[in-house]
Amino acid sequence: PRNTVYLEMNSLRPEDTAVYFCNA
């Protein structure tokens, strides 16, 4: 209903550093 997708990210690591993109 809110036309929204989420990405909950926990226990983040330095190797998670990036630009994050969503795709439909």
mmCIF file of all heavy atoms, coordinates in Angstrom:
data_MODEL
# 
_entry.id   MODEL 
# 
loop_
_atom_site.group_PDB 
_atom_site.id 
_atom_site.type_symbol 
_atom_site.label_atom_id 
_atom_site.label_alt_id 
_atom_site.label_comp_id 
_atom_site.label_asym_id 
_atom_site.label_entity_id 
_atom_site.label_seq_id 
_atom_site.pdbx_PDB_ins_code 
_atom_site.Cartn_x 
_atom_site.Cartn_y 
_atom_site.Cartn_z 
_atom_site.occupancy 
_atom_site.B_iso_or_equiv 
_atom_site.pdbx_formal_charge 
_atom_site.auth_seq_id 
_atom_site.auth_comp_id 
_atom_site.auth_asym_id 
_atom_site.auth_atom_id 
_atom_site.pdbx_PDB_model_num 
ATOM 1   N N   . PRO A 1 1  ? 0.818  -1.227  0.000   1.00 0.00 ? 1  PRO A N   1 
ATOM 2   C CA  . PRO A 1 1  ? 0.000  0.000   0.000   1.00 0.00 ? 1  PRO A CA  1 
ATOM 3   C C   . PRO A 1 1  ? 0.847  1.270   0.000   1.00 0.00 ? 1  PRO A C   1 
ATOM 4   O O   . PRO A 1 1  ? 0.411  2.293   -0.527  1.00 0.00 ? 1  PRO A O   1 
ATOM 5   C CB  . PRO A 1 1  ? -0.816 -0.124  1.276   1.00 0.00 ? 1  PRO A CB  1 
ATOM 6   C CG  . PRO A 1 1  ? -0.908 -1.579  1.524   1.00 0.00 ? 1  PRO A CG  1 
ATOM 7   C CD  . PRO A 1 1  ? 0.440  -2.118  1.091   1.00 0.00 ? 1  PRO A CD  1 
ATOM 8   N N   . ARG A 1 2  ? 2.043  1.190   0.575   1.00 0.00 ? 2  ARG A N   1 
ATOM 9   C CA  . ARG A 1 2  ? 2.934  2.355   0.588   1.00 0.00 ? 2  ARG A CA  1 
ATOM 10  C C   . ARG A 1 2  ? 3.913  2.329   -0.579  1.00 0.00 ? 2  ARG A C   1 
ATOM 11  O O   . ARG A 1 2  ? 4.778  3.200   -0.686  1.00 0.00 ? 2  ARG A O   1 
ATOM 12  C CB  . ARG A 1 2  ? 3.712  2.433   1.895   1.00 0.00 ? 2  ARG A CB  1 
ATOM 13  C CG  . ARG A 1 2  ? 2.868  2.811   3.095   1.00 0.00 ? 2  ARG A CG  1 
ATOM 14  C CD  . ARG A 1 2  ? 3.749  3.181   4.291   1.00 0.00 ? 2  ARG A CD  1 
ATOM 15  N NE  . ARG A 1 2  ? 2.984  3.828   5.345   1.00 0.00 ? 2  ARG A NE  1 
ATOM 16  C CZ  . ARG A 1 2  ? 2.446  3.185   6.359   1.00 0.00 ? 2  ARG A CZ  1 
ATOM 17  N NH1 . ARG A 1 2  ? 2.581  1.896   6.465   1.00 0.00 ? 2  ARG A NH1 1 
ATOM 18  N NH2 . ARG A 1 2  ? 1.774  3.858   7.273   1.00 0.00 ? 2  ARG A NH2 1 
ATOM 19  N N   . ASN A 1 3  ? 3.799  1.331   -1.461  1.00 0.00 ? 3  ASN A N   1 
ATOM 20  C CA  . ASN A 1 3  ? 4.703  1.230   -2.612  1.00 0.00 ? 3  ASN A CA  1 
ATOM 21  C C   . ASN A 1 3  ? 6.167  1.302   -2.188  1.00 0.00 ? 3  ASN A C   1 
ATOM 22  O O   . ASN A 1 3  ? 6.983  1.981   -2.844  1.00 0.00 ? 3  ASN A O   1 
ATOM 23  C CB  . ASN A 1 3  ? 4.410  2.343   -3.629  1.00 0.00 ? 3  ASN A CB  1 
ATOM 24  C CG  . ASN A 1 3  ? 3.413  1.924   -4.676  1.00 0.00 ? 3  ASN A CG  1 
ATOM 25  O OD1 . ASN A 1 3  ? 2.723  0.924   -4.521  1.00 0.00 ? 3  ASN A OD1 1 
ATOM 26  N ND2 . ASN A 1 3  ? 3.358  2.666   -5.761  1.00 0.00 ? 3  ASN A ND2 1 
ATOM 27  N N   . THR A 1 4  ? 6.492  0.611   -1.114  1.00 0.00 ? 4  THR A N   1 
ATOM 28  C CA  . THR A 1 4  ? 7.839  0.708   -0.567  1.00 0.00 ? 4  THR A CA  1 
ATOM 29  C C   . THR A 1 4  ? 8.409  -0.679  -0.277  1.00 0.00 ? 4  THR A C   1 
ATOM 30  O O   . THR A 1 4  ? 7.687  -1.557  0.219   1.00 0.00 ? 4  THR A O   1 
ATOM 31  C CB  . THR A 1 4  ? 7.845  1.549   0.729   1.00 0.00 ? 4  THR A CB  1 
ATOM 32  O OG1 . THR A 1 4  ? 7.311  2.849   0.443   1.00 0.00 ? 4  THR A OG1 1 
ATOM 33  C CG2 . THR A 1 4  ? 9.248  1.704   1.282   1.00 0.00 ? 4  THR A CG2 1 
ATOM 34  N N   . VAL A 1 5  ? 9.672  -0.858  -0.587  1.00 0.00 ? 5  VAL A N   1 
ATOM 35  C CA  . VAL A 1 5  ? 10.399 -2.059  -0.220  1.00 0.00 ? 5  VAL A CA  1 
ATOM 36  C C   . VAL A 1 5  ? 11.540 -1.639  0.698   1.00 0.00 ? 5  VAL A C   1 
ATOM 37  O O   . VAL A 1 5  ? 12.102 -0.548  0.549   1.00 0.00 ? 5  VAL A O   1 
ATOM 38  C CB  . VAL A 1 5  ? 10.916 -2.812  -1.458  1.00 0.00 ? 5  VAL A CB  1 
ATOM 39  C CG1 . VAL A 1 5  ? 11.923 -1.996  -2.244  1.00 0.00 ? 5  VAL A CG1 1 
ATOM 40  C CG2 . VAL A 1 5  ? 11.513 -4.159  -1.072  1.00 0.00 ? 5  VAL A CG2 1 
ATOM 41  N N   . TYR A 1 6  ? 11.835 -2.490  1.657   1.00 0.00 ? 6  TYR A N   1 
ATOM 42  C CA  . TYR A 1 6  ? 12.850 -2.182  2.661   1.00 0.00 ? 6  TYR A CA  1 
ATOM 43  C C   . TYR A 1 6  ? 13.971 -3.208  2.618   1.00 0.00 ? 6  TYR A C   1 
ATOM 44  O O   . TYR A 1 6  ? 13.782 -4.342  2.197   1.00 0.00 ? 6  TYR A O   1 
ATOM 45  C CB  . TYR A 1 6  ? 12.229 -2.199  4.058   1.00 0.00 ? 6  TYR A CB  1 
ATOM 46  C CG  . TYR A 1 6  ? 11.063 -1.261  4.227   1.00 0.00 ? 6  TYR A CG  1 
ATOM 47  C CD1 . TYR A 1 6  ? 9.754  -1.725  4.144   1.00 0.00 ? 6  TYR A CD1 1 
ATOM 48  C CD2 . TYR A 1 6  ? 11.279 0.099   4.472   1.00 0.00 ? 6  TYR A CD2 1 
ATOM 49  C CE1 . TYR A 1 6  ? 8.684  -0.856  4.297   1.00 0.00 ? 6  TYR A CE1 1 
ATOM 50  C CE2 . TYR A 1 6  ? 10.213 0.965   4.626   1.00 0.00 ? 6  TYR A CE2 1 
ATOM 51  C CZ  . TYR A 1 6  ? 8.918  0.483   4.545   1.00 0.00 ? 6  TYR A CZ  1 
ATOM 52  O OH  . TYR A 1 6  ? 7.856  1.345   4.697   1.00 0.00 ? 6  TYR A OH  1 
ATOM 53  N N   . LEU A 1 7  ? 15.127 -2.784  3.089   1.00 0.00 ? 7  LEU A N   1 
ATOM 54  C CA  . LEU A 1 7  ? 16.227 -3.705  3.328   1.00 0.00 ? 7  LEU A CA  1 
ATOM 55  C C   . LEU A 1 7  ? 16.763 -3.400  4.719   1.00 0.00 ? 7  LEU A C   1 
ATOM 56  O O   . LEU A 1 7  ? 17.408 -2.360  4.924   1.00 0.00 ? 7  LEU A O   1 
ATOM 57  C CB  . LEU A 1 7  ? 17.326 -3.570  2.277   1.00 0.00 ? 7  LEU A CB  1 
ATOM 58  C CG  . LEU A 1 7  ? 18.445 -4.599  2.394   1.00 0.00 ? 7  LEU A CG  1 
ATOM 59  C CD1 . LEU A 1 7  ? 17.916 -6.012  2.068   1.00 0.00 ? 7  LEU A CD1 1 
ATOM 60  C CD2 . LEU A 1 7  ? 19.615 -4.258  1.465   1.00 0.00 ? 7  LEU A CD2 1 
ATOM 61  N N   . GLU A 1 8  ? 16.462 -4.279  5.656   1.00 0.00 ? 8  GLU A N   1 
ATOM 62  C CA  . GLU A 1 8  ? 16.966 -4.158  7.016   1.00 0.00 ? 8  GLU A CA  1 
ATOM 63  C C   . GLU A 1 8  ? 18.328 -4.825  7.052   1.00 0.00 ? 8  GLU A C   1 
ATOM 64  O O   . GLU A 1 8  ? 18.463 -6.004  6.711   1.00 0.00 ? 8  GLU A O   1 
ATOM 65  C CB  . GLU A 1 8  ? 16.010 -4.846  7.992   1.00 0.00 ? 8  GLU A CB  1 
ATOM 66  C CG  . GLU A 1 8  ? 16.366 -4.675  9.449   1.00 0.00 ? 8  GLU A CG  1 
ATOM 67  C CD  . GLU A 1 8  ? 16.013 -3.295  9.986   1.00 0.00 ? 8  GLU A CD  1 
ATOM 68  O OE1 . GLU A 1 8  ? 14.999 -2.722  9.539   1.00 0.00 ? 8  GLU A OE1 1 
ATOM 69  O OE2 . GLU A 1 8  ? 16.761 -2.796  10.839  1.00 0.00 ? 8  GLU A OE2 1 
ATOM 70  N N   . MET A 1 9  ? 19.348 -4.062  7.449   1.00 0.00 ? 9  MET A N   1 
ATOM 71  C CA  . MET A 1 9  ? 20.720 -4.567  7.436   1.00 0.00 ? 9  MET A CA  1 
ATOM 72  C C   . MET A 1 9  ? 21.275 -4.529  8.855   1.00 0.00 ? 9  MET A C   1 
ATOM 73  O O   . MET A 1 9  ? 21.355 -3.449  9.459   1.00 0.00 ? 9  MET A O   1 
ATOM 74  C CB  . MET A 1 9  ? 21.587 -3.719  6.504   1.00 0.00 ? 9  MET A CB  1 
ATOM 75  C CG  . MET A 1 9  ? 21.019 -3.600  5.091   1.00 0.00 ? 9  MET A CG  1 
ATOM 76  S SD  . MET A 1 9  ? 22.132 -2.752  3.956   1.00 0.00 ? 9  MET A SD  1 
ATOM 77  C CE  . MET A 1 9  ? 22.180 -1.132  4.696   1.00 0.00 ? 9  MET A CE  1 
ATOM 78  N N   . ASN A 1 10 ? 21.627 -5.677  9.358   1.00 0.00 ? 10 ASN A N   1 
ATOM 79  C CA  . ASN A 1 10 ? 22.183 -5.802  10.700  1.00 0.00 ? 10 ASN A CA  1 
ATOM 80  C C   . ASN A 1 10 ? 23.597 -6.378  10.637  1.00 0.00 ? 10 ASN A C   1 
ATOM 81  O O   . ASN A 1 10 ? 24.002 -6.935  9.605   1.00 0.00 ? 10 ASN A O   1 
ATOM 82  C CB  . ASN A 1 10 ? 21.297 -6.695  11.558  1.00 0.00 ? 10 ASN A CB  1 
ATOM 83  C CG  . ASN A 1 10 ? 19.897 -6.144  11.729  1.00 0.00 ? 10 ASN A CG  1 
ATOM 84  O OD1 . ASN A 1 10 ? 19.720 -4.966  12.045  1.00 0.00 ? 10 ASN A OD1 1 
ATOM 85  N ND2 . ASN A 1 10 ? 18.892 -6.974  11.517  1.00 0.00 ? 10 ASN A ND2 1 
ATOM 86  N N   . SER A 1 11 ? 24.306 -6.255  11.739  1.00 0.00 ? 11 SER A N   1 
ATOM 87  C CA  . SER A 1 11 ? 25.673 -6.780  11.828  1.00 0.00 ? 11 SER A CA  1 
ATOM 88  C C   . SER A 1 11 ? 26.509 -6.359  10.621  1.00 0.00 ? 11 SER A C   1 
ATOM 89  O O   . SER A 1 11 ? 27.181 -7.179  9.997   1.00 0.00 ? 11 SER A O   1 
ATOM 90  C CB  . SER A 1 11 ? 25.648 -8.309  11.944  1.00 0.00 ? 11 SER A CB  1 
ATOM 91  O OG  . SER A 1 11 ? 24.886 -8.718  13.056  1.00 0.00 ? 11 SER A OG  1 
ATOM 92  N N   . LEU A 1 12 ? 26.456 -5.099  10.310  1.00 0.00 ? 12 LEU A N   1 
ATOM 93  C CA  . LEU A 1 12 ? 27.126 -4.606  9.117   1.00 0.00 ? 12 LEU A CA  1 
ATOM 94  C C   . LEU A 1 12 ? 28.632 -4.726  9.227   1.00 0.00 ? 12 LEU A C   1 
ATOM 95  O O   . LEU A 1 12 ? 29.225 -4.573  10.307  1.00 0.00 ? 12 LEU A O   1 
ATOM 96  C CB  . LEU A 1 12 ? 26.723 -3.158  8.854   1.00 0.00 ? 12 LEU A CB  1 
ATOM 97  C CG  . LEU A 1 12 ? 25.324 -3.013  8.230   1.00 0.00 ? 12 LEU A CG  1 
ATOM 98  C CD1 . LEU A 1 12 ? 24.802 -1.595  8.388   1.00 0.00 ? 12 LEU A CD1 1 
ATOM 99  C CD2 . LEU A 1 12 ? 25.361 -3.404  6.762   1.00 0.00 ? 12 LEU A CD2 1 
ATOM 100 N N   . ARG A 1 13 ? 29.243 -4.986  8.080   1.00 0.00 ? 13 ARG A N   1 
ATOM 101 C CA  . ARG A 1 13 ? 30.693 -5.191  7.977   1.00 0.00 ? 13 ARG A CA  1 
ATOM 102 C C   . ARG A 1 13 ? 31.265 -4.174  7.009   1.00 0.00 ? 13 ARG A C   1 
ATOM 103 O O   . ARG A 1 13 ? 30.546 -3.680  6.117   1.00 0.00 ? 13 ARG A O   1 
ATOM 104 C CB  . ARG A 1 13 ? 30.971 -6.607  7.464   1.00 0.00 ? 13 ARG A CB  1 
ATOM 105 C CG  . ARG A 1 13 ? 30.332 -7.708  8.278   1.00 0.00 ? 13 ARG A CG  1 
ATOM 106 C CD  . ARG A 1 13 ? 30.386 -9.028  7.525   1.00 0.00 ? 13 ARG A CD  1 
ATOM 107 N NE  . ARG A 1 13 ? 29.784 -10.116 8.277   1.00 0.00 ? 13 ARG A NE  1 
ATOM 108 C CZ  . ARG A 1 13 ? 29.491 -11.304 7.757   1.00 0.00 ? 13 ARG A CZ  1 
ATOM 109 N NH1 . ARG A 1 13 ? 29.776 -11.555 6.492   1.00 0.00 ? 13 ARG A NH1 1 
ATOM 110 N NH2 . ARG A 1 13 ? 28.939 -12.221 8.507   1.00 0.00 ? 13 ARG A NH2 1 
ATOM 111 N N   . PRO A 1 14 ? 32.549 -3.894  7.112   1.00 0.00 ? 14 PRO A N   1 
ATOM 112 C CA  . PRO A 1 14 ? 33.158 -2.956  6.148   1.00 0.00 ? 14 PRO A CA  1 
ATOM 113 C C   . PRO A 1 14 ? 32.949 -3.393  4.694   1.00 0.00 ? 14 PRO A C   1 
ATOM 114 O O   . PRO A 1 14 ? 32.788 -2.531  3.816   1.00 0.00 ? 14 PRO A O   1 
ATOM 115 C CB  . PRO A 1 14 ? 34.638 -2.989  6.540   1.00 0.00 ? 14 PRO A CB  1 
ATOM 116 C CG  . PRO A 1 14 ? 34.620 -3.295  8.003   1.00 0.00 ? 14 PRO A CG  1 
ATOM 117 C CD  . PRO A 1 14 ? 33.474 -4.245  8.194   1.00 0.00 ? 14 PRO A CD  1 
ATOM 118 N N   . GLU A 1 15 ? 32.910 -4.670  4.446   1.00 0.00 ? 15 GLU A N   1 
ATOM 119 C CA  . GLU A 1 15 ? 32.720 -5.152  3.072   1.00 0.00 ? 15 GLU A CA  1 
ATOM 120 C C   . GLU A 1 15 ? 31.293 -4.949  2.551   1.00 0.00 ? 15 GLU A C   1 
ATOM 121 O O   . GLU A 1 15 ? 31.016 -5.208  1.385   1.00 0.00 ? 15 GLU A O   1 
ATOM 122 C CB  . GLU A 1 15 ? 33.121 -6.628  2.940   1.00 0.00 ? 15 GLU A CB  1 
ATOM 123 C CG  . GLU A 1 15 ? 32.438 -7.563  3.916   1.00 0.00 ? 15 GLU A CG  1 
ATOM 124 C CD  . GLU A 1 15 ? 33.261 -7.846  5.158   1.00 0.00 ? 15 GLU A CD  1 
ATOM 125 O OE1 . GLU A 1 15 ? 33.950 -6.922  5.667   1.00 0.00 ? 15 GLU A OE1 1 
ATOM 126 O OE2 . GLU A 1 15 ? 33.222 -9.005  5.623   1.00 0.00 ? 15 GLU A OE2 1 
ATOM 127 N N   . ASP A 1 16 ? 30.391 -4.494  3.416   1.00 0.00 ? 16 ASP A N   1 
ATOM 128 C CA  . ASP A 1 16 ? 29.048 -4.132  2.962   1.00 0.00 ? 16 ASP A CA  1 
ATOM 129 C C   . ASP A 1 16 ? 29.006 -2.720  2.386   1.00 0.00 ? 16 ASP A C   1 
ATOM 130 O O   . ASP A 1 16 ? 27.966 -2.297  1.859   1.00 0.00 ? 16 ASP A O   1 
ATOM 131 C CB  . ASP A 1 16 ? 28.044 -4.230  4.116   1.00 0.00 ? 16 ASP A CB  1 
ATOM 132 C CG  . ASP A 1 16 ? 27.860 -5.643  4.622   1.00 0.00 ? 16 ASP A CG  1 
ATOM 133 O OD1 . ASP A 1 16 ? 27.775 -6.571  3.800   1.00 0.00 ? 16 ASP A OD1 1 
ATOM 134 O OD2 . ASP A 1 16 ? 27.808 -5.823  5.859   1.00 0.00 ? 16 ASP A OD2 1 
ATOM 135 N N   . THR A 1 17 ? 30.104 -2.002  2.478   1.00 0.00 ? 17 THR A N   1 
ATOM 136 C CA  . THR A 1 17 ? 30.166 -0.652  1.933   1.00 0.00 ? 17 THR A CA  1 
ATOM 137 C C   . THR A 1 17 ? 29.939 -0.672  0.428   1.00 0.00 ? 17 THR A C   1 
ATOM 138 O O   . THR A 1 17 ? 30.630 -1.392  -0.301  1.00 0.00 ? 17 THR A O   1 
ATOM 139 C CB  . THR A 1 17 ? 31.526 -0.016  2.252   1.00 0.00 ? 17 THR A CB  1 
ATOM 140 O OG1 . THR A 1 17 ? 31.652 0.142   3.670   1.00 0.00 ? 17 THR A OG1 1 
ATOM 141 C CG2 . THR A 1 17 ? 31.673 1.338   1.576   1.00 0.00 ? 17 THR A CG2 1 
ATOM 142 N N   . ALA A 1 18 ? 28.966 0.088   -0.012  1.00 0.00 ? 18 ALA A N   1 
ATOM 143 C CA  . ALA A 1 18 ? 28.602 0.099   -1.429  1.00 0.00 ? 18 ALA A CA  1 
ATOM 144 C C   . ALA A 1 18 ? 27.480 1.110   -1.642  1.00 0.00 ? 18 ALA A C   1 
ATOM 145 O O   . ALA A 1 18 ? 26.889 1.613   -0.685  1.00 0.00 ? 18 ALA A O   1 
ATOM 146 C CB  . ALA A 1 18 ? 28.127 -1.277  -1.880  1.00 0.00 ? 18 ALA A CB  1 
ATOM 147 N N   . VAL A 1 19 ? 27.198 1.367   -2.911  1.00 0.00 ? 19 VAL A N   1 
ATOM 148 C CA  . VAL A 1 19 ? 25.956 2.049   -3.266  1.00 0.00 ? 19 VAL A CA  1 
ATOM 149 C C   . VAL A 1 19 ? 24.901 0.969   -3.462  1.00 0.00 ? 19 VAL A C   1 
ATOM 150 O O   . VAL A 1 19 ? 25.124 0.001   -4.201  1.00 0.00 ? 19 VAL A O   1 
ATOM 151 C CB  . VAL A 1 19 ? 26.113 2.888   -4.540  1.00 0.00 ? 19 VAL A CB  1 
ATOM 152 C CG1 . VAL A 1 19 ? 24.782 3.543   -4.905  1.00 0.00 ? 19 VAL A CG1 1 
ATOM 153 C CG2 . VAL A 1 19 ? 27.194 3.948   -4.354  1.00 0.00 ? 19 VAL A CG2 1 
ATOM 154 N N   . TYR A 1 20 ? 23.767 1.141   -2.786  1.00 0.00 ? 20 TYR A N   1 
ATOM 155 C CA  . TYR A 1 20 ? 22.695 0.165   -2.851  1.00 0.00 ? 20 TYR A CA  1 
ATOM 156 C C   . TYR A 1 20 ? 21.576 0.687   -3.760  1.00 0.00 ? 20 TYR A C   1 
ATOM 157 O O   . TYR A 1 20 ? 21.125 1.833   -3.612  1.00 0.00 ? 20 TYR A O   1 
ATOM 158 C CB  . TYR A 1 20 ? 22.153 -0.111  -1.452  1.00 0.00 ? 20 TYR A CB  1 
ATOM 159 C CG  . TYR A 1 20 ? 23.066 -0.993  -0.641  1.00 0.00 ? 20 TYR A CG  1 
ATOM 160 C CD1 . TYR A 1 20 ? 24.290 -0.511  -0.171  1.00 0.00 ? 20 TYR A CD1 1 
ATOM 161 C CD2 . TYR A 1 20 ? 22.737 -2.313  -0.359  1.00 0.00 ? 20 TYR A CD2 1 
ATOM 162 C CE1 . TYR A 1 20 ? 25.154 -1.325  0.550   1.00 0.00 ? 20 TYR A CE1 1 
ATOM 163 C CE2 . TYR A 1 20 ? 23.581 -3.136  0.376   1.00 0.00 ? 20 TYR A CE2 1 
ATOM 164 C CZ  . TYR A 1 20 ? 24.788 -2.640  0.816   1.00 0.00 ? 20 TYR A CZ  1 
ATOM 165 O OH  . TYR A 1 20 ? 25.641 -3.451  1.532   1.00 0.00 ? 20 TYR A OH  1 
ATOM 166 N N   . PHE A 1 21 ? 21.154 -0.180  -4.667  1.00 0.00 ? 21 PHE A N   1 
ATOM 167 C CA  . PHE A 1 21 ? 20.134 0.166   -5.657  1.00 0.00 ? 21 PHE A CA  1 
ATOM 168 C C   . PHE A 1 21 ? 18.928 -0.768  -5.498  1.00 0.00 ? 21 PHE A C   1 
ATOM 169 O O   . PHE A 1 21 ? 19.109 -1.955  -5.233  1.00 0.00 ? 21 PHE A O   1 
ATOM 170 C CB  . PHE A 1 21 ? 20.666 -0.021  -7.075  1.00 0.00 ? 21 PHE A CB  1 
ATOM 171 C CG  . PHE A 1 21 ? 21.865 0.808   -7.417  1.00 0.00 ? 21 PHE A CG  1 
ATOM 172 C CD1 . PHE A 1 21 ? 23.142 0.350   -7.155  1.00 0.00 ? 21 PHE A CD1 1 
ATOM 173 C CD2 . PHE A 1 21 ? 21.710 2.048   -8.030  1.00 0.00 ? 21 PHE A CD2 1 
ATOM 174 C CE1 . PHE A 1 21 ? 24.271 1.105   -7.475  1.00 0.00 ? 21 PHE A CE1 1 
ATOM 175 C CE2 . PHE A 1 21 ? 22.823 2.813   -8.368  1.00 0.00 ? 21 PHE A CE2 1 
ATOM 176 C CZ  . PHE A 1 21 ? 24.094 2.342   -8.080  1.00 0.00 ? 21 PHE A CZ  1 
ATOM 177 N N   . CYS A 1 22 ? 17.738 -0.239  -5.722  1.00 0.00 ? 22 CYS A N   1 
ATOM 178 C CA  . CYS A 1 22 ? 16.594 -1.131  -5.801  1.00 0.00 ? 22 CYS A CA  1 
ATOM 179 C C   . CYS A 1 22 ? 16.145 -1.253  -7.247  1.00 0.00 ? 22 CYS A C   1 
ATOM 180 O O   . CYS A 1 22 ? 16.372 -0.352  -8.072  1.00 0.00 ? 22 CYS A O   1 
ATOM 181 C CB  . CYS A 1 22 ? 15.448 -0.693  -4.899  1.00 0.00 ? 22 CYS A CB  1 
ATOM 182 S SG  . CYS A 1 22 ? 14.554 0.764   -5.420  1.00 0.00 ? 22 CYS A SG  1 
ATOM 183 N N   . ASN A 1 23 ? 15.564 -2.376  -7.541  1.00 0.00 ? 23 ASN A N   1 
ATOM 184 C CA  . ASN A 1 23 ? 15.123 -2.715  -8.884  1.00 0.00 ? 23 ASN A CA  1 
ATOM 185 C C   . ASN A 1 23 ? 13.725 -3.315  -8.815  1.00 0.00 ? 23 ASN A C   1 
ATOM 186 O O   . ASN A 1 23 ? 13.436 -4.110  -7.924  1.00 0.00 ? 23 ASN A O   1 
ATOM 187 C CB  . ASN A 1 23 ? 16.100 -3.711  -9.506  1.00 0.00 ? 23 ASN A CB  1 
ATOM 188 C CG  . ASN A 1 23 ? 15.606 -4.280  -10.799 1.00 0.00 ? 23 ASN A CG  1 
ATOM 189 O OD1 . ASN A 1 23 ? 14.895 -5.280  -10.830 1.00 0.00 ? 23 ASN A OD1 1 
ATOM 190 N ND2 . ASN A 1 23 ? 15.977 -3.647  -11.892 1.00 0.00 ? 23 ASN A ND2 1 
ATOM 191 N N   . ALA A 1 24 ? 12.878 -2.919  -9.762  1.00 0.00 ? 24 ALA A N   1 
ATOM 192 C CA  . ALA A 1 24 ? 11.548 -3.504  -9.915  1.00 0.00 ? 24 ALA A CA  1 
ATOM 193 C C   . ALA A 1 24 ? 11.499 -4.174  -11.280 1.00 0.00 ? 24 ALA A C   1 
ATOM 194 O O   . ALA A 1 24 ? 11.816 -3.530  -12.291 1.00 0.00 ? 24 ALA A O   1 
ATOM 195 C CB  . ALA A 1 24 ? 10.472 -2.432  -9.810  1.00 0.00 ? 24 ALA A CB  1 
# 
